[in-house]
C-alpha atoms as a PDB file:
ATOM      1  CA  MET A   1       9.775  -5.940  -7.434  1.00  0.00           C
ATOM      2  CA  ILE A   2       6.310  -5.509  -9.030  1.00  0.00           C
ATOM      3  CA  LYS A   3       4.940  -7.494 -11.781  1.00  0.00           C
ATOM      4  CA  VAL A   4       3.981  -5.877 -14.760  1.00  0.00           C
ATOM      5  CA  LYS A   5       2.171  -7.623 -16.525  1.00  0.00           C
ATOM      6  CA  LEU A   6       1.947  -7.366 -20.165  1.00  0.00           C
ATOM      7  CA  ARG A   7      -0.757  -8.375 -23.019  1.00  0.00           C
ATOM      8  CA  LEU A   8       1.076  -9.144 -26.386  1.00  0.00           C
ATOM      9  CA  PHE A   9      -1.149  -7.647 -29.982  1.00  0.00           C
ATOM     10  CA  GLY A  10       0.090  -8.290 -33.165  1.00  0.00           C
ATOM     11  CA  ARG A  11       4.193  -9.437 -33.864  1.00  0.00           C
ATOM     12  CA  PHE A  12       4.993  -9.449 -30.592  1.00  0.00           C
ATOM     13  CA  ARG A  13       2.291 -13.253 -30.375  1.00  0.00           C
ATOM     14  CA  SER A  14       4.445 -14.610 -32.644  1.00  0.00           C
ATOM     15  CA  PHE A  15       7.956 -15.069 -29.933  1.00  0.00           C
ATOM     16  CA  TYR A  16       5.194 -16.159 -27.042  1.00  0.00           C
ATOM     17  CA  SER A  17       2.384 -18.063 -26.622  1.00  0.00           C
ATOM     18  CA  ASP A  18      -0.057 -16.847 -24.102  1.00  0.00           C
ATOM     19  CA  PRO A  19      -1.243 -13.436 -25.127  1.00  0.00           C
ATOM     20  CA  PHE A  20       0.110 -12.433 -21.563  1.00  0.00           C
ATOM     21  CA  LEU A  21       3.395 -12.180 -20.433  1.00  0.00           C
ATOM     22  CA  GLU A  22       4.707 -10.970 -16.780  1.00  0.00           C
ATOM     23  CA  ILE A  23       8.060  -9.756 -15.890  1.00  0.00           C
ATOM     24  CA  GLN A  24       9.315  -7.799 -12.745  1.00  0.00           C
ATOM     25  CA  VAL A  25      11.007  -5.189 -12.168  1.00  0.00           C
ATOM     26  CA  PRO A  26      12.550  -2.398  -9.897  1.00  0.00           C
ATOM     27  CA  SER A  27       9.519  -0.394  -7.960  1.00  0.00           C
ATOM     28  CA  GLY A  28       9.635   3.021  -9.665  1.00  0.00           C
ATOM     29  CA  SER A  29      11.111   1.951 -12.677  1.00  0.00           C
ATOM     30  CA  ASP A  30      10.564   3.955 -16.093  1.00  0.00           C
ATOM     31  CA  LEU A  31       8.614   2.716 -19.440  1.00  0.00           C
ATOM     32  CA  THR A  32      12.320   2.223 -20.743  1.00  0.00           C
ATOM     33  CA  THR A  33      13.396  -0.515 -18.143  1.00  0.00           C
ATOM     34  CA  VAL A  34       9.768  -1.963 -18.097  1.00  0.00           C
ATOM     35  CA  LYS A  35      11.140  -2.282 -22.406  1.00  0.00           C
ATOM     36  CA  THR A  36      14.922  -3.790 -21.430  1.00  0.00           C
ATOM     37  CA  PHE A  37      13.197  -6.677 -18.183  1.00  0.00           C
ATOM     38  CA  LEU A  38      11.314  -7.707 -21.585  1.00  0.00           C
ATOM     39  CA  ALA A  39      13.611  -7.736 -24.681  1.00  0.00           C
ATOM     40  CA  SER A  40      16.220 -10.280 -22.399  1.00  0.00           C
ATOM     41  CA  SER A  41      12.238 -12.282 -21.275  1.00  0.00           C
ATOM     42  CA  LEU A  42      11.669 -12.526 -24.877  1.00  0.00           C
ATOM     43  CA  ARG A  43      15.308 -12.963 -25.998  1.00  0.00           C
ATOM     44  CA  LYS A  44      15.752 -15.443 -23.460  1.00  0.00           C
ATOM     45  CA  ILE A  45      12.503 -17.291 -25.345  1.00  0.00           C
ATOM     46  CA  ALA A  46      12.313 -16.793 -28.606  1.00  0.00           C
ATOM     47  CA  SER A  47      16.858 -16.153 -30.337  1.00  0.00           C
ATOM     48  CA  GLU A  48      15.108 -14.851 -32.564  1.00  0.00           C
ATOM     49  CA  PHE A  49      13.198 -11.537 -31.429  1.00  0.00           C
ATOM     50  CA  ASP A  50      14.367  -8.077 -32.850  1.00  0.00           C
ATOM     51  CA  SER A  51      14.831  -5.758 -29.143  1.00  0.00           C
ATOM     52  CA  GLN A  52      13.967  -2.913 -32.135  1.00  0.00           C
ATOM     53  CA  LEU A  53      10.279  -4.208 -32.520  1.00  0.00           C
ATOM     54  CA  LEU A  54       9.715  -2.741 -28.895  1.00  0.00           C
ATOM     55  CA  GLU A  55      11.632   0.838 -29.528  1.00  0.00           C
ATOM     56  CA  ASP A  56       9.065   1.357 -32.277  1.00  0.00           C
ATOM     57  CA  ALA A  57       6.223  -0.549 -30.180  1.00  0.00           C
ATOM     58  CA  ALA A  58       3.523   1.622 -27.881  1.00  0.00           C
ATOM     59  CA  PHE A  59       3.080   0.929 -24.971  1.00  0.00           C
ATOM     60  CA  ALA A  60      -1.024   1.551 -23.267  1.00  0.00           C
ATOM     61  CA  ASP A  61      -2.268   1.694 -19.099  1.00  0.00           C
ATOM     62  CA  GLU A  62      -5.876   1.340 -19.919  1.00  0.00           C
ATOM     63  CA  ASP A  63      -6.992   5.199 -19.739  1.00  0.00           C
ATOM     64  CA  THR A  64      -3.514   6.224 -22.407  1.00  0.00           C
ATOM     65  CA  ILE A  65      -0.704   5.797 -24.947  1.00  0.00           C
ATOM     66  CA  LEU A  66       2.685   5.810 -22.007  1.00  0.00           C
ATOM     67  CA  GLU A  67       4.946   8.143 -22.749  1.00  0.00           C
ATOM     68  CA  ARG A  68       8.721   7.146 -22.366  1.00  0.00           C
ATOM     69  CA  ASP A  69       9.266   8.434 -18.460  1.00  0.00           C
ATOM     70  CA  ALA A  70       6.152   6.838 -17.417  1.00  0.00           C
ATOM     71  CA  ARG A  71       7.359   5.179 -13.904  1.00  0.00           C
ATOM     72  CA  PHE A  72       5.270   2.308 -12.579  1.00  0.00           C
ATOM     73  CA  SER A  73       5.343   1.798  -8.364  1.00  0.00           C
ATOM     74  CA  ARG A  74       3.176  -0.763  -8.560  1.00  0.00           C
ATOM     75  CA  ASP A  75       1.544  -4.366  -9.906  1.00  0.00           C
ATOM     76  CA  CYS A  76       0.418  -2.797 -13.279  1.00  0.00           C
ATOM     77  CA  GLU A  77      -1.141  -5.096 -16.631  1.00  0.00           C
ATOM     78  CA  ILE A  78       0.124  -2.832 -20.074  1.00  0.00           C
ATOM     79  CA  ALA A  79      -0.194  -3.189 -23.415  1.00  0.00           C
ATOM     80  CA  VAL A  80       2.524  -3.824 -25.986  1.00  0.00           C
ATOM     81  CA  LEU A  81       1.109  -2.876 -28.803  1.00  0.00           C
ATOM     82  CA  PRO A  82       3.262  -3.344 -32.570  1.00  0.00           C
ATOM     83  CA  PRO A  83       4.154  -0.787 -35.336  1.00  0.00           C
ATOM     84  CA  VAL A  84       1.841  -0.983 -37.715  1.00  0.00           C
ATOM     85  CA  CYS A  85       1.664   0.012 -41.230  1.00  0.00           C
ATOM     86  CA  GLY A  86      -0.717   0.835 -43.806  1.00  0.00           C
ATOM     87  CA  GLY A  87      -2.193   3.143 -46.867  1.00  0.00           C
END
């Protein structure tokens, strides 16, 4: 298992008071697996959490926005960026 430290922004902060949430996922997990573990953690904390928010969110490491097939083989930190609208 590896530790993924998730830095929460925007709407995600309304479900968890700390700016960081740490989860553990199997080594070699892809972004979809990380989203599944994150959704499960947030539902335990806030029953009103809607996992659709994760589907529309962007995930980024220190260098780039991550694609769905991004894989994680060591401890890391990822930013969770909610969808935004504007005009």
